[in-house]
Amino acid sequence: MKKKVALVATLIASLVLSLWTSTSIANAKSAQVVIELEDASLRVLPPAEAEPTWPTLLEMNESTAFGALEMAFVSIMVDRIEKARKPKGARQVGAAIAKEKYGWGRYQFSCLDSLWTKESHWNYRARNPRTGAHGIPQALPATRMDIISTDWRTNPITQIEWGLRYIDIRYETPCRALSKFKRSRYY
């Protein structure tokens, strides 16, 4: 019940904030909205006139704050996934994951970029009709990506994480995987 209340309070706060930010600061009054729900309360304050229009102060109790933290995390992940649905965003996400998880810098990423550009053009929907290889890393069989998550058909980040893991286990670095690809047209 508490999570449902927190979710409702978070959604209401988002709506109130979007209404405030859609009006100019000059028209904003120093008012507040207080939402009282069973087991939750939420207070939303608009930014002061001298402040820029970035996020408004939200004061929440513990149950609402936990729900808001979960919602913020989900929002960040959804934004990252949506960014990765386009080749440019997929490259950026791939570079970040390669650096964070494996310590691969620009040189290794240039090899990874060449490899996956040749394989799929960083298109998460890429599918080889002859072999059935799928996704950004062209996993064969595609179901191998289930190791990371079962959403590999629609989530480019799952595909990137699987591909980086595969390269690390099998070749140690993207440049070695690219060398193998150049010799045999697969890796």
Protein backbone atom coordinates (compact mmCIF):
# COMPACT_ATOMS: atom_id res chain seq x y z
CA MET A 1 0.00 0.00 0.00
CA LYS A 2 2.83 2.40 0.88
CA LYS A 3 4.46 1.97 -2.55
CA LYS A 4 1.16 2.71 -4.30
CA VAL A 5 0.71 5.84 -2.19
CA ALA A 6 4.29 6.90 -2.92
CA LEU A 7 3.83 6.33 -6.63
CA VAL A 8 0.60 8.35 -6.67
CA ALA A 9 2.28 11.15 -4.69
CA THR A 10 5.26 11.14 -7.03
CA LEU A 11 3.06 11.27 -10.11
CA ILE A 12 0.99 14.10 -8.63
CA ALA A 13 4.17 16.00 -7.75
CA SER A 14 5.46 15.54 -11.30
CA LEU A 15 2.21 16.88 -12.69
CA VAL A 16 2.30 19.90 -10.38
CA LEU A 17 5.93 20.57 -11.29
CA SER A 18 5.25 20.34 -14.99
CA LEU A 19 2.41 22.82 -14.64
CA TRP A 20 4.62 25.23 -12.74
CA THR A 21 7.54 24.94 -15.13
CA SER A 22 5.26 25.47 -18.13
CA THR A 23 4.40 28.95 -16.81
CA SER A 24 6.97 31.70 -16.60
CA ILE A 25 8.71 32.41 -13.30
CA ALA A 26 7.37 35.95 -13.40
CA ASN A 27 3.83 34.57 -13.13
CA ALA A 28 4.70 32.07 -10.41
CA LYS A 29 3.48 32.97 -6.95
CA SER A 30 5.31 31.84 -3.84
CA ALA A 31 2.74 29.19 -3.12
CA GLN A 32 3.02 25.59 -2.19
CA VAL A 33 1.01 22.47 -2.74
CA VAL A 34 0.59 20.10 0.15
CA ILE A 35 -0.76 16.67 -0.66
CA GLU A 36 -1.98 14.59 2.26
CA LEU A 37 -2.62 10.93 1.52
CA GLU A 38 -3.04 7.98 3.85
CA ASP A 39 0.46 7.15 5.19
CA ALA A 40 2.13 9.79 3.00
CA SER A 41 2.45 13.52 2.69
CA LEU A 42 4.17 15.57 0.03
CA ARG A 43 4.97 19.27 -0.12
CA VAL A 44 5.93 20.88 -3.41
CA LEU A 45 7.40 24.38 -3.54
CA PRO A 46 7.94 26.36 -6.77
CA PRO A 47 11.38 27.89 -7.33
CA ALA A 48 11.94 31.37 -5.94
CA GLU A 49 11.82 34.24 -8.42
CA ALA A 50 15.60 34.70 -8.41
CA GLU A 51 16.26 31.00 -9.04
CA PRO A 52 16.48 29.41 -12.48
CA THR A 53 13.76 27.01 -13.52
CA TRP A 54 15.45 23.78 -12.52
CA PRO A 55 13.70 21.22 -10.35
CA THR A 56 11.55 22.43 -7.52
CA LEU A 57 12.10 21.50 -3.89
CA LEU A 58 10.21 18.40 -2.86
CA GLU A 59 9.86 17.48 0.80
CA MET A 60 8.66 13.94 1.39
CA ASN A 61 8.27 11.53 4.25
CA GLU A 62 10.23 8.25 4.31
CA SER A 63 7.78 6.09 2.38
CA THR A 64 7.31 8.70 -0.32
CA ALA A 65 11.05 9.37 -0.56
CA PHE A 66 11.75 5.68 -1.12
CA GLY A 67 9.17 5.57 -3.91
CA ALA A 68 10.60 8.73 -5.44
CA LEU A 69 14.11 7.25 -5.35
CA GLU A 70 12.88 4.14 -7.15
CA MET A 71 11.08 6.30 -9.71
CA ALA A 72 14.21 8.41 -10.27
CA PHE A 73 16.29 5.27 -10.85
CA VAL A 74 13.72 3.89 -13.30
CA SER A 75 13.59 7.24 -15.07
CA ILE A 76 17.38 7.32 -15.49
CA MET A 77 17.44 3.76 -16.83
CA VAL A 78 14.59 4.44 -19.28
CA ASP A 79 16.38 7.56 -20.53
CA ARG A 80 19.58 5.57 -21.00
CA ILE A 81 17.77 2.79 -22.89
CA GLU A 82 15.97 5.30 -25.13
CA LYS A 83 19.26 7.04 -25.84
CA ALA A 84 20.83 3.69 -26.81
CA ARG A 85 18.08 2.96 -29.35
CA LYS A 86 19.83 5.30 -31.78
CA PRO A 87 23.32 4.39 -33.08
CA LYS A 88 24.98 7.55 -31.71
CA GLY A 89 23.48 6.98 -28.27
CA ALA A 90 24.35 3.28 -28.37
CA ARG A 91 27.98 4.20 -29.06
CA GLN A 92 28.01 6.60 -26.11
CA VAL A 93 26.43 4.05 -23.77
CA GLY A 94 28.77 1.35 -25.04
CA ALA A 95 31.83 3.54 -24.47
CA ALA A 96 30.67 4.35 -20.94
CA ILE A 97 30.00 0.70 -20.02
CA ALA A 98 33.30 -0.43 -21.59
CA LYS A 99 35.17 2.15 -19.52
CA GLU A 100 33.26 1.53 -16.27
CA LYS A 101 33.18 -2.29 -16.28
CA TYR A 102 36.28 -3.26 -18.22
CA GLY A 103 38.58 -0.24 -18.09
CA TRP A 104 38.79 -0.04 -21.89
CA GLY A 105 39.75 3.41 -23.07
CA ARG A 106 39.52 5.21 -26.39
CA TYR A 107 41.85 2.92 -28.28
CA GLN A 108 39.90 -0.22 -27.38
CA PHE A 109 36.63 1.57 -28.00
CA SER A 110 37.76 2.52 -31.51
CA CYS A 111 38.21 -1.20 -32.20
CA LEU A 112 34.80 -1.97 -30.68
CA ASP A 113 33.22 0.79 -32.75
CA SER A 114 34.75 -0.60 -35.96
CA LEU A 115 33.67 -4.13 -35.10
CA TRP A 116 30.06 -3.36 -34.20
CA THR A 117 29.69 -0.85 -37.03
CA LYS A 118 30.61 -3.66 -39.45
CA GLU A 119 28.36 -6.15 -37.68
CA SER A 120 25.19 -4.12 -37.08
CA HIS A 121 25.84 -0.38 -37.52
CA TRP A 122 24.98 -0.20 -33.79
CA ASN A 123 21.36 -1.06 -34.61
CA TYR A 124 19.76 -3.02 -31.79
CA ARG A 125 17.19 -4.45 -34.23
CA ALA A 126 19.81 -5.73 -36.67
CA ARG A 127 19.28 -9.37 -37.64
CA ASN A 128 21.21 -11.48 -40.09
CA PRO A 129 18.55 -13.33 -42.13
CA ARG A 130 21.02 -16.04 -43.17
CA THR A 131 22.46 -16.93 -39.75
CA GLY A 132 19.90 -15.51 -37.32
CA ALA A 133 22.53 -13.46 -35.48
CA HIS A 134 20.84 -10.62 -33.66
CA GLY A 135 21.44 -7.20 -32.16
CA ILE A 136 24.33 -4.81 -31.87
CA PRO A 137 26.93 -7.53 -31.17
CA GLN A 138 25.25 -10.01 -33.57
CA ALA A 139 24.88 -12.76 -30.98
CA LEU A 140 24.51 -16.25 -32.42
CA PRO A 141 22.27 -17.75 -31.28
CA ALA A 142 20.57 -14.62 -30.05
CA THR A 143 19.20 -16.38 -26.99
CA ARG A 144 22.72 -16.37 -25.53
CA MET A 145 21.95 -12.83 -24.39
CA ASP A 146 19.46 -14.29 -21.87
CA ILE A 147 22.48 -14.51 -19.55
CA ILE A 148 22.25 -10.74 -19.10
CA SER A 149 18.47 -10.30 -19.36
CA THR A 150 15.49 -11.70 -21.22
CA ASP A 151 14.70 -8.29 -22.74
CA TRP A 152 17.51 -8.56 -25.30
CA ARG A 153 15.12 -8.18 -28.25
CA THR A 154 14.12 -4.65 -27.21
CA ASN A 155 16.87 -3.42 -24.91
CA PRO A 156 20.07 -2.22 -26.58
CA ILE A 157 21.85 -1.96 -23.22
CA THR A 158 21.32 -5.68 -22.60
CA GLN A 159 22.86 -6.36 -26.00
CA ILE A 160 25.82 -4.06 -25.34
CA GLU A 161 26.45 -5.58 -21.91
CA TRP A 162 26.32 -9.10 -23.34
CA GLY A 163 28.61 -8.19 -26.25
CA LEU A 164 31.20 -6.58 -23.99
CA ARG A 165 31.10 -9.57 -21.63
CA TYR A 166 31.51 -11.97 -24.57
CA ILE A 167 34.49 -10.04 -25.92
CA ASP A 168 36.10 -9.89 -22.49
CA ILE A 169 35.71 -13.64 -21.88
CA ARG A 170 36.59 -14.81 -25.39
CA TYR A 171 39.16 -12.27 -26.65
CA GLU A 172 40.07 -10.12 -23.62
CA THR A 173 39.89 -6.88 -25.64
CA PRO A 174 37.86 -5.41 -28.50
CA CYS A 175 41.00 -5.02 -30.62
CA ARG A 176 41.67 -8.75 -30.44
CA ALA A 177 38.04 -9.44 -31.35
CA LEU A 178 38.39 -7.05 -34.31
CA SER A 179 41.56 -8.85 -35.46
CA LYS A 180 39.66 -12.16 -35.39
CA PHE A 181 36.80 -10.56 -37.35
CA LYS A 182 39.20 -9.27 -40.01
CA ARG A 183 40.71 -12.77 -40.46
CA SER A 184 37.47 -14.76 -40.63
CA ARG A 185 34.54 -12.31 -41.04
CA TYR A 186 33.11 -13.35 -37.67
CA TYR A 187 34.20 -13.12 -34.06
